[in-house]
Amino acid sequence: MKLPPLNSPPDDLDTPALCIDLERMEANIGHMVAACSEQNVDWRPHSKCHKSPAIAQKLVAAGAIGVTCAKVGEAEVMAAGGITDLLIANQIVGPQKVARLVALRRAADPIVCIDHLDQARPIGEAMQAAGLAIRVLIEVDIGMQRAGVLPGDPSVQLAAALAQLPGITFAGVMGYEGHLLRVPDPVEKEQRIRAALESLVETKQQVESRGIACPIVSCGGTGSYTYSVSQPGITEIQAGGAIFMDDYYRNQCHVEGLDFALTLIATVVSRPTPDRAIIDAGRKTMNSEAETPRVISHPGILVQSLSAEHGTLILAPEARGLMIGERLALMPGYSDFTCVLHDRFFAFRDQRLEEIWPLEGRGRLQ
């Protein structure tokens, strides 16, 4: 595939194409840096939303302390791109992954999450054999009921055991309030998030009461960052999708103050009926599971459905002049699930192509 040269206008792109408005993204980054700075909290944004070392470098240059990753493979890509302070917010299990983790530790300073000693022992043994040590956080289940050990004494007991393991440097606790992102009433949402995070902070305090240092208390997604960033005792938040913003965060999580920076450009390829149009972008181009994509370039057009490679649009009377070959700009419903479908971002400033960034972490599922 031949890519357009830099300084090209959007119309020079073949479609479908995933585009970033750099001014909006940079404004979102600045907003997050300022929000964290005001509360004296570190920002370790999740890279699963962009999978791009080039974007991670921009985030660190703007003030992020590093990035959060979902998998070892994603962390390897970020380390190869020069990002060394990496939190892998997942449990690392299996000899293949442990061997890769040792290699990663030689190149960077990763942190891994633990919720059972059976995860920690093989990692510690491998690190000790290599003459290394790795930082670990305990993942605390603060109500999401996914991974994690219960707050309070179960976490304290695990911390005490981890502190004794060779090759392991206990570094703190992590929790995720993801089950509360879509609570509709803002008062209830704040109360429940604060209660969940208080249990995380109290666990840290109980760990420290045993004489065990617990410097990191990590939490916070984009859908809850306005509460987590100001929670007493939190040391860092992981909100990453804030750099793009999308309708899922706006409509379901009620996040304000961030601008939409990501768009999907598609082409009308069929007009089978007066009130229906077909575009060259379906489920393999954008995701509709969390929130339906939205046409933003033309009024009176709704996304009805997505099949593998087709998008079906319903046209109001004012939009029925839409012609085959016309281009539409759509807002991805949820950026995390859309970005991973693409090989590259086309980054524009003032309608001119400034950067082409590959998603080098795409497909790194191991």
Protein backbone atom coordinates (compact mmCIF):
# COMPACT_ATOMS: atom_id res chain seq x y z
CA MET A 1 0.00 0.00 0.00
CA LYS A 2 1.45 3.33 -1.07
CA LEU A 3 1.10 5.96 1.64
CA PRO A 4 0.54 9.65 0.87
CA PRO A 5 3.47 12.02 1.44
CA LEU A 6 3.55 14.26 4.48
CA ASN A 7 1.74 17.59 4.08
CA SER A 8 -1.00 15.89 2.05
CA PRO A 9 -4.66 16.84 2.66
CA PRO A 10 -7.10 14.26 4.05
CA ASP A 11 -8.63 13.72 0.60
CA ASP A 12 -5.37 12.10 -0.52
CA LEU A 13 -5.90 9.18 1.86
CA ASP A 14 -7.33 5.92 0.66
CA THR A 15 -10.21 4.77 2.82
CA PRO A 16 -11.00 3.62 5.38
CA ALA A 17 -8.40 5.60 7.31
CA LEU A 18 -8.01 6.31 11.02
CA CYS A 19 -7.05 9.92 11.61
CA ILE A 20 -5.88 11.99 14.58
CA ASP A 21 -6.42 15.71 14.99
CA LEU A 22 -3.08 16.62 16.58
CA GLU A 23 -4.22 19.90 18.08
CA ARG A 24 -7.13 18.23 19.84
CA MET A 25 -5.04 15.29 21.03
CA GLU A 26 -2.35 17.61 22.36
CA ALA A 27 -5.00 19.66 24.16
CA ASN A 28 -6.31 16.47 25.78
CA ILE A 29 -2.80 15.49 26.81
CA GLY A 30 -2.26 18.93 28.31
CA HIS A 31 -5.56 18.65 30.18
CA MET A 32 -4.55 15.34 31.73
CA VAL A 33 -1.07 16.51 32.65
CA ALA A 34 -2.53 19.59 34.35
CA ALA A 35 -5.22 17.56 36.18
CA CYS A 36 -2.57 15.22 37.59
CA SER A 37 -0.13 18.01 38.40
CA GLU A 38 -2.76 19.94 40.34
CA GLN A 39 -3.30 16.91 42.59
CA ASN A 40 0.40 15.91 42.75
CA VAL A 41 -0.47 12.58 41.14
CA ASP A 42 1.60 10.83 38.46
CA TRP A 43 0.12 9.96 35.08
CA ARG A 44 0.93 6.54 33.65
CA PRO A 45 -1.48 6.39 30.67
CA HIS A 46 -2.54 3.05 29.29
CA SER A 47 -1.06 2.30 25.89
CA LYS A 48 -3.71 -0.27 24.95
CA CYS A 49 -5.74 2.57 23.44
CA HIS A 50 -3.07 3.54 20.89
CA LYS A 51 -0.46 0.71 20.70
CA SER A 52 2.06 3.24 19.35
CA PRO A 53 5.52 3.96 20.80
CA ALA A 54 5.52 7.28 18.94
CA ILE A 55 2.42 8.39 20.85
CA ALA A 56 3.87 7.02 24.09
CA GLN A 57 6.95 9.17 23.53
CA LYS A 58 4.73 12.24 23.13
CA LEU A 59 2.97 11.42 26.38
CA VAL A 60 6.22 11.03 28.31
CA ALA A 61 7.60 14.23 26.78
CA ALA A 62 4.46 16.02 27.97
CA GLY A 63 4.82 14.80 31.55
CA ALA A 64 3.70 11.17 31.85
CA ILE A 65 6.05 9.04 33.99
CA GLY A 66 5.75 6.06 31.67
CA VAL A 67 2.96 3.90 30.28
CA THR A 68 0.68 1.12 31.39
CA CYS A 69 0.52 -1.94 29.11
CA ALA A 70 -1.92 -4.80 28.84
CA LYS A 71 0.48 -7.57 27.81
CA VAL A 72 4.17 -8.45 27.83
CA GLY A 73 4.23 -8.09 24.04
CA GLU A 74 2.91 -4.56 24.26
CA ALA A 75 5.55 -3.72 26.88
CA GLU A 76 8.27 -5.15 24.64
CA VAL A 77 7.17 -2.83 21.84
CA MET A 78 7.14 0.18 24.15
CA ALA A 79 10.58 -0.66 25.53
CA ALA A 80 11.96 -0.99 21.99
CA GLY A 81 10.53 2.48 21.39
CA GLY A 82 12.49 3.95 24.30
CA ILE A 83 9.84 3.85 27.05
CA THR A 84 11.43 2.22 30.10
CA ASP A 85 9.01 2.80 33.01
CA LEU A 86 6.32 0.24 32.21
CA LEU A 87 3.45 -1.15 34.25
CA ILE A 88 2.05 -4.40 32.87
CA ALA A 89 -1.42 -4.35 34.40
CA ASN A 90 -1.89 -8.07 34.09
CA GLN A 91 -0.76 -11.32 35.64
CA ILE A 92 2.27 -12.89 33.95
CA VAL A 93 2.08 -16.68 33.92
CA GLY A 94 3.98 -19.41 32.02
CA PRO A 95 7.65 -20.14 31.33
CA GLN A 96 7.66 -18.44 27.93
CA LYS A 97 6.36 -15.17 29.33
CA VAL A 98 8.64 -15.32 32.36
CA ALA A 99 11.67 -15.76 30.09
CA ARG A 100 10.56 -12.77 28.03
CA LEU A 101 10.00 -10.78 31.21
CA VAL A 102 13.63 -11.41 32.20
CA ALA A 103 14.78 -10.13 28.81
CA LEU A 104 12.50 -7.11 29.14
CA ARG A 105 13.90 -6.38 32.60
CA ARG A 106 17.37 -6.19 31.11
CA ALA A 107 16.20 -3.44 28.75
CA ALA A 108 13.68 -1.56 30.89
CA ASP A 109 12.20 -1.22 34.38
CA PRO A 110 8.84 -2.97 34.19
CA ILE A 111 6.34 -3.53 36.98
CA VAL A 112 4.10 -6.60 36.99
CA CYS A 113 0.89 -7.36 38.86
CA ILE A 114 0.48 -10.23 41.29
CA ASP A 115 -2.57 -11.61 43.06
CA HIS A 116 -1.15 -15.01 44.10
CA LEU A 117 2.24 -16.35 45.16
CA ASP A 118 2.06 -18.96 42.41
CA GLN A 119 2.57 -16.13 39.92
CA ALA A 120 5.36 -14.50 41.92
CA ARG A 121 7.57 -17.49 42.69
CA PRO A 122 8.55 -18.42 39.10
CA ILE A 123 9.15 -14.75 38.26
CA GLY A 124 11.30 -14.24 41.35
CA GLU A 125 13.30 -17.41 40.70
CA ALA A 126 13.97 -16.43 37.10
CA MET A 127 14.98 -12.91 38.05
CA GLN A 128 17.28 -14.13 40.82
CA ALA A 129 18.93 -16.60 38.42
CA ALA A 130 19.57 -13.72 36.03
CA GLY A 131 20.94 -11.49 38.78
CA LEU A 132 17.96 -9.16 38.51
CA ALA A 133 14.95 -8.02 40.51
CA ILE A 134 11.60 -6.78 39.26
CA ARG A 135 9.03 -4.50 40.81
CA VAL A 136 5.62 -5.96 41.56
CA LEU A 137 2.26 -4.53 42.55
CA ILE A 138 -0.50 -6.45 44.23
CA GLU A 139 -3.70 -6.20 42.23
CA VAL A 140 -6.47 -5.59 44.75
CA ASP A 141 -10.06 -6.41 43.86
CA ILE A 142 -11.90 -3.24 44.88
CA GLY A 143 -15.23 -4.47 43.57
CA MET A 144 -14.80 -5.31 39.90
CA GLN A 145 -14.62 -9.05 40.60
CA ARG A 146 -12.15 -9.78 37.85
CA ALA A 147 -8.57 -10.51 38.92
CA GLY A 148 -7.21 -9.38 42.26
CA VAL A 149 -6.91 -10.31 45.91
CA LEU A 150 -9.35 -8.90 48.44
CA PRO A 151 -8.41 -5.66 50.18
CA GLY A 152 -7.27 -5.60 53.79
CA ASP A 153 -5.67 -8.61 55.44
CA PRO A 154 -5.49 -10.91 52.36
CA SER A 155 -3.52 -8.24 50.50
CA VAL A 156 -1.37 -7.52 53.56
CA GLN A 157 -0.48 -11.18 53.92
CA LEU A 158 0.46 -11.39 50.25
CA ALA A 159 2.57 -8.24 50.52
CA ALA A 160 4.44 -9.71 53.50
CA ALA A 161 5.20 -12.86 51.51
CA LEU A 162 6.27 -10.94 48.42
CA ALA A 163 8.61 -8.76 50.46
CA GLN A 164 10.55 -11.92 51.39
CA LEU A 165 10.91 -13.33 47.88
CA PRO A 166 14.32 -13.04 46.18
CA GLY A 167 14.15 -11.41 42.77
CA ILE A 168 11.01 -9.51 43.75
CA THR A 169 10.79 -5.87 44.84
CA PHE A 170 7.39 -5.16 46.32
CA ALA A 171 6.37 -1.71 45.03
CA GLY A 172 2.73 -1.14 45.93
CA VAL A 173 -0.89 -1.86 45.11
CA MET A 174 -3.17 -1.41 42.13
CA GLY A 175 -6.94 -1.43 41.80
CA TYR A 176 -9.41 -0.68 39.03
CA GLU A 177 -12.81 0.84 39.59
CA GLY A 178 -13.97 -0.21 36.13
CA HIS A 179 -17.28 -1.60 37.36
CA LEU A 180 -18.32 1.94 38.34
CA LEU A 181 -17.52 3.90 35.17
CA ARG A 182 -21.11 3.92 33.89
CA VAL A 183 -23.00 4.66 37.08
CA PRO A 184 -25.47 7.26 35.71
CA ASP A 185 -25.99 9.46 38.77
CA PRO A 186 -22.85 11.58 39.30
CA VAL A 187 -23.31 11.80 43.08
CA GLU A 188 -23.70 8.04 43.41
CA LYS A 189 -20.81 7.47 41.01
CA GLU A 190 -18.47 9.65 43.04
CA GLN A 191 -19.53 8.07 46.33
CA ARG A 192 -19.03 4.52 45.08
CA ILE A 193 -15.71 5.27 43.38
CA ARG A 194 -14.37 7.00 46.47
CA ALA A 195 -15.46 4.10 48.68
CA ALA A 196 -13.71 1.61 46.39
CA LEU A 197 -10.52 3.67 46.27
CA GLU A 198 -10.58 4.22 50.01
CA SER A 199 -10.34 0.44 50.44
CA LEU A 200 -7.26 0.48 48.18
CA VAL A 201 -5.61 3.30 50.14
CA GLU A 202 -6.49 1.66 53.45
CA THR A 203 -4.84 -1.54 52.21
CA LYS A 204 -1.67 0.42 51.46
CA GLN A 205 -1.76 1.85 54.97
CA GLN A 206 -2.20 -1.59 56.50
CA VAL A 207 0.74 -2.89 54.48
CA GLU A 208 2.90 -0.01 55.70
CA SER A 209 1.81 -0.66 59.28
CA ARG A 210 3.65 -3.97 58.94
CA GLY A 211 6.83 -2.09 58.13
CA ILE A 212 6.65 -2.82 54.40
CA ALA A 213 7.19 0.11 52.03
CA CYS A 214 4.26 0.59 49.64
CA PRO A 215 5.13 3.60 47.46
CA ILE A 216 2.73 3.09 44.53
CA VAL A 217 -1.07 3.22 44.67
CA SER A 218 -2.23 2.94 41.06
CA CYS A 219 -5.77 3.11 39.65
CA GLY A 220 -8.01 5.19 37.45
CA GLY A 221 -9.44 4.81 33.97
CA THR A 222 -10.57 7.62 31.69
CA GLY A 223 -14.19 7.05 32.67
CA SER A 224 -13.41 7.76 36.33
CA TYR A 225 -10.27 9.89 36.32
CA THR A 226 -12.01 13.04 37.56
CA TYR A 227 -12.64 11.24 40.86
CA SER A 228 -9.57 9.01 41.11
CA VAL A 229 -7.11 11.83 40.43
CA SER A 230 -8.31 13.71 43.51
CA GLN A 231 -8.67 10.73 45.82
CA PRO A 232 -6.34 11.14 48.84
CA GLY A 233 -3.59 8.52 48.87
CA ILE A 234 -3.59 7.72 45.15
CA THR A 235 -0.11 8.15 43.63
CA GLU A 236 -0.82 7.54 39.92
CA ILE A 237 -3.66 7.09 37.45
CA GLN A 238 -3.71 5.04 34.28
CA ALA A 239 -6.32 6.91 32.19
CA GLY A 240 -5.15 6.52 28.58
CA GLY A 241 -8.21 6.82 26.34
CA ALA A 242 -8.49 10.46 27.40
CA ILE A 243 -6.00 11.40 24.69
CA PHE A 244 -8.57 10.54 22.00
CA MET A 245 -11.88 10.85 23.83
CA ASP A 246 -14.97 9.24 22.27
CA ASP A 247 -18.72 8.85 22.60
CA TYR A 248 -18.43 5.94 25.02
CA TYR A 249 -16.65 8.14 27.54
CA ARG A 250 -18.94 11.11 26.88
CA ASN A 251 -22.30 9.35 26.73
CA GLN A 252 -21.89 6.40 29.09
CA CYS A 253 -19.19 7.58 31.51
CA HIS A 254 -20.25 11.26 31.43
CA VAL A 255 -16.70 12.57 31.00
CA GLU A 256 -16.46 16.26 30.13
CA GLY A 257 -13.61 18.66 29.39
CA LEU A 258 -11.93 16.59 26.67
CA ASP A 259 -12.26 16.98 22.91
CA PHE A 260 -12.81 14.33 20.23
CA ALA A 261 -9.44 13.80 18.50
CA LEU A 262 -10.01 10.60 16.52
CA THR A 263 -11.99 10.19 13.31
CA LEU A 264 -12.54 7.45 10.76
CA ILE A 265 -12.71 8.49 7.11
CA ALA A 266 -14.85 6.25 4.90
CA THR A 267 -16.22 6.35 1.35
CA VAL A 268 -19.79 5.84 0.14
CA VAL A 269 -19.63 2.81 -2.16
CA SER A 270 -23.33 2.06 -2.77
CA ARG A 271 -26.72 3.82 -2.72
CA PRO A 272 -29.16 0.90 -2.93
CA THR A 273 -32.25 2.88 -1.84
CA PRO A 274 -33.05 6.58 -1.34
CA ASP A 275 -32.81 6.24 2.43
CA ARG A 276 -29.82 3.86 2.61
CA ALA A 277 -26.12 4.19 1.83
CA ILE A 278 -23.24 1.76 2.19
CA ILE A 279 -19.69 2.72 3.19
CA ASP A 280 -16.43 0.81 2.92
CA ALA A 281 -16.04 0.47 6.69
CA GLY A 282 -17.51 -2.31 8.77
CA ARG A 283 -16.63 -4.29 11.87
CA LYS A 284 -13.08 -4.88 10.68
CA THR A 285 -12.63 -1.10 10.61
CA MET A 286 -14.53 0.15 13.66
CA ASN A 287 -16.20 -1.35 16.68
CA SER A 288 -19.82 -0.83 17.68
CA GLU A 289 -19.99 -3.06 20.76
CA ALA A 290 -19.53 -0.38 23.42
CA GLU A 291 -21.02 2.56 21.50
CA THR A 292 -22.27 2.98 17.93
CA PRO A 293 -20.02 5.07 15.65
CA ARG A 294 -21.44 8.46 14.68
CA VAL A 295 -21.25 10.35 11.37
CA ILE A 296 -19.90 13.83 12.14
CA SER A 297 -19.26 15.27 8.69
CA HIS A 298 -22.84 15.24 7.38
CA PRO A 299 -26.16 15.90 9.14
CA GLY A 300 -29.06 13.48 8.95
CA ILE A 301 -27.04 10.26 8.70
CA LEU A 302 -27.14 7.43 11.24
CA VAL A 303 -25.08 4.25 11.36
CA GLN A 304 -27.66 1.46 11.29
CA SER A 305 -25.39 -1.59 11.34
CA LEU A 306 -21.92 -2.93 10.58
CA SER A 307 -21.08 -6.17 8.81
CA ALA A 308 -17.55 -7.40 8.14
CA GLU A 309 -16.56 -4.83 5.51
CA HIS A 310 -19.72 -2.78 5.02
CA GLY A 311 -21.38 -0.08 7.06
CA THR A 312 -25.07 0.51 6.50
CA LEU A 313 -26.28 4.09 6.93
CA ILE A 314 -29.82 5.40 7.22
CA LEU A 315 -30.39 8.78 5.57
CA ALA A 316 -32.86 11.39 6.70
CA PRO A 317 -34.57 13.34 3.89
CA GLU A 318 -31.98 16.15 4.04
CA ALA A 319 -29.15 13.65 3.45
CA ARG A 320 -30.59 11.74 0.51
CA GLY A 321 -28.50 13.62 -1.99
CA LEU A 322 -25.46 11.68 -0.76
CA MET A 323 -23.57 10.31 -3.76
CA ILE A 324 -21.36 7.34 -4.42
CA GLY A 325 -17.74 8.41 -3.95
CA GLU A 326 -18.44 10.98 -1.26
CA ARG A 327 -16.35 10.76 1.89
CA LEU A 328 -17.70 10.75 5.40
CA ALA A 329 -15.99 11.36 8.73
CA LEU A 330 -17.17 9.19 11.60
CA MET A 331 -16.53 9.34 15.31
CA PRO A 332 -15.50 5.89 16.59
CA GLY A 333 -17.86 4.82 19.35
CA TYR A 334 -14.99 3.49 21.48
CA SER A 335 -11.43 4.26 20.50
CA ASP A 336 -9.79 1.31 22.32
CA PHE A 337 -11.68 -1.26 20.28
CA THR A 338 -11.30 0.67 17.02
CA CYS A 339 -7.58 1.52 17.03
CA VAL A 340 -6.51 -2.13 17.30
CA LEU A 341 -8.17 -2.82 13.94
CA HIS A 342 -5.75 -0.51 12.11
CA ASP A 343 -2.09 -0.65 11.11
CA ARG A 344 -1.42 3.09 11.32
CA PHE A 345 -2.67 6.48 12.41
CA PHE A 346 -2.69 9.44 10.02
CA ALA A 347 -2.02 12.50 12.18
CA PHE A 348 -3.16 15.87 10.84
CA ARG A 349 -2.59 19.46 11.84
CA ASP A 350 -4.52 22.20 10.06
CA GLN A 351 -5.77 19.63 7.54
CA ARG A 352 -2.23 18.67 6.54
CA LEU A 353 -0.67 15.27 7.18
CA GLU A 354 2.09 15.74 9.74
CA GLU A 355 2.83 12.19 10.90
CA ILE A 356 2.08 8.58 10.04
CA TRP A 357 2.38 6.43 13.15
CA PRO A 358 2.32 2.62 12.96
CA LEU A 359 0.47 0.74 15.68
CA GLU A 360 3.46 -1.44 16.44
CA GLY A 361 1.75 -3.03 19.43
CA ARG A 362 -1.17 -4.25 17.36
CA GLY A 363 -1.53 -8.02 17.51
CA ARG A 364 0.89 -8.39 20.41
CA LEU A 365 -1.50 -10.55 22.39
CA GLN A 366 1.04 -12.74 24.18
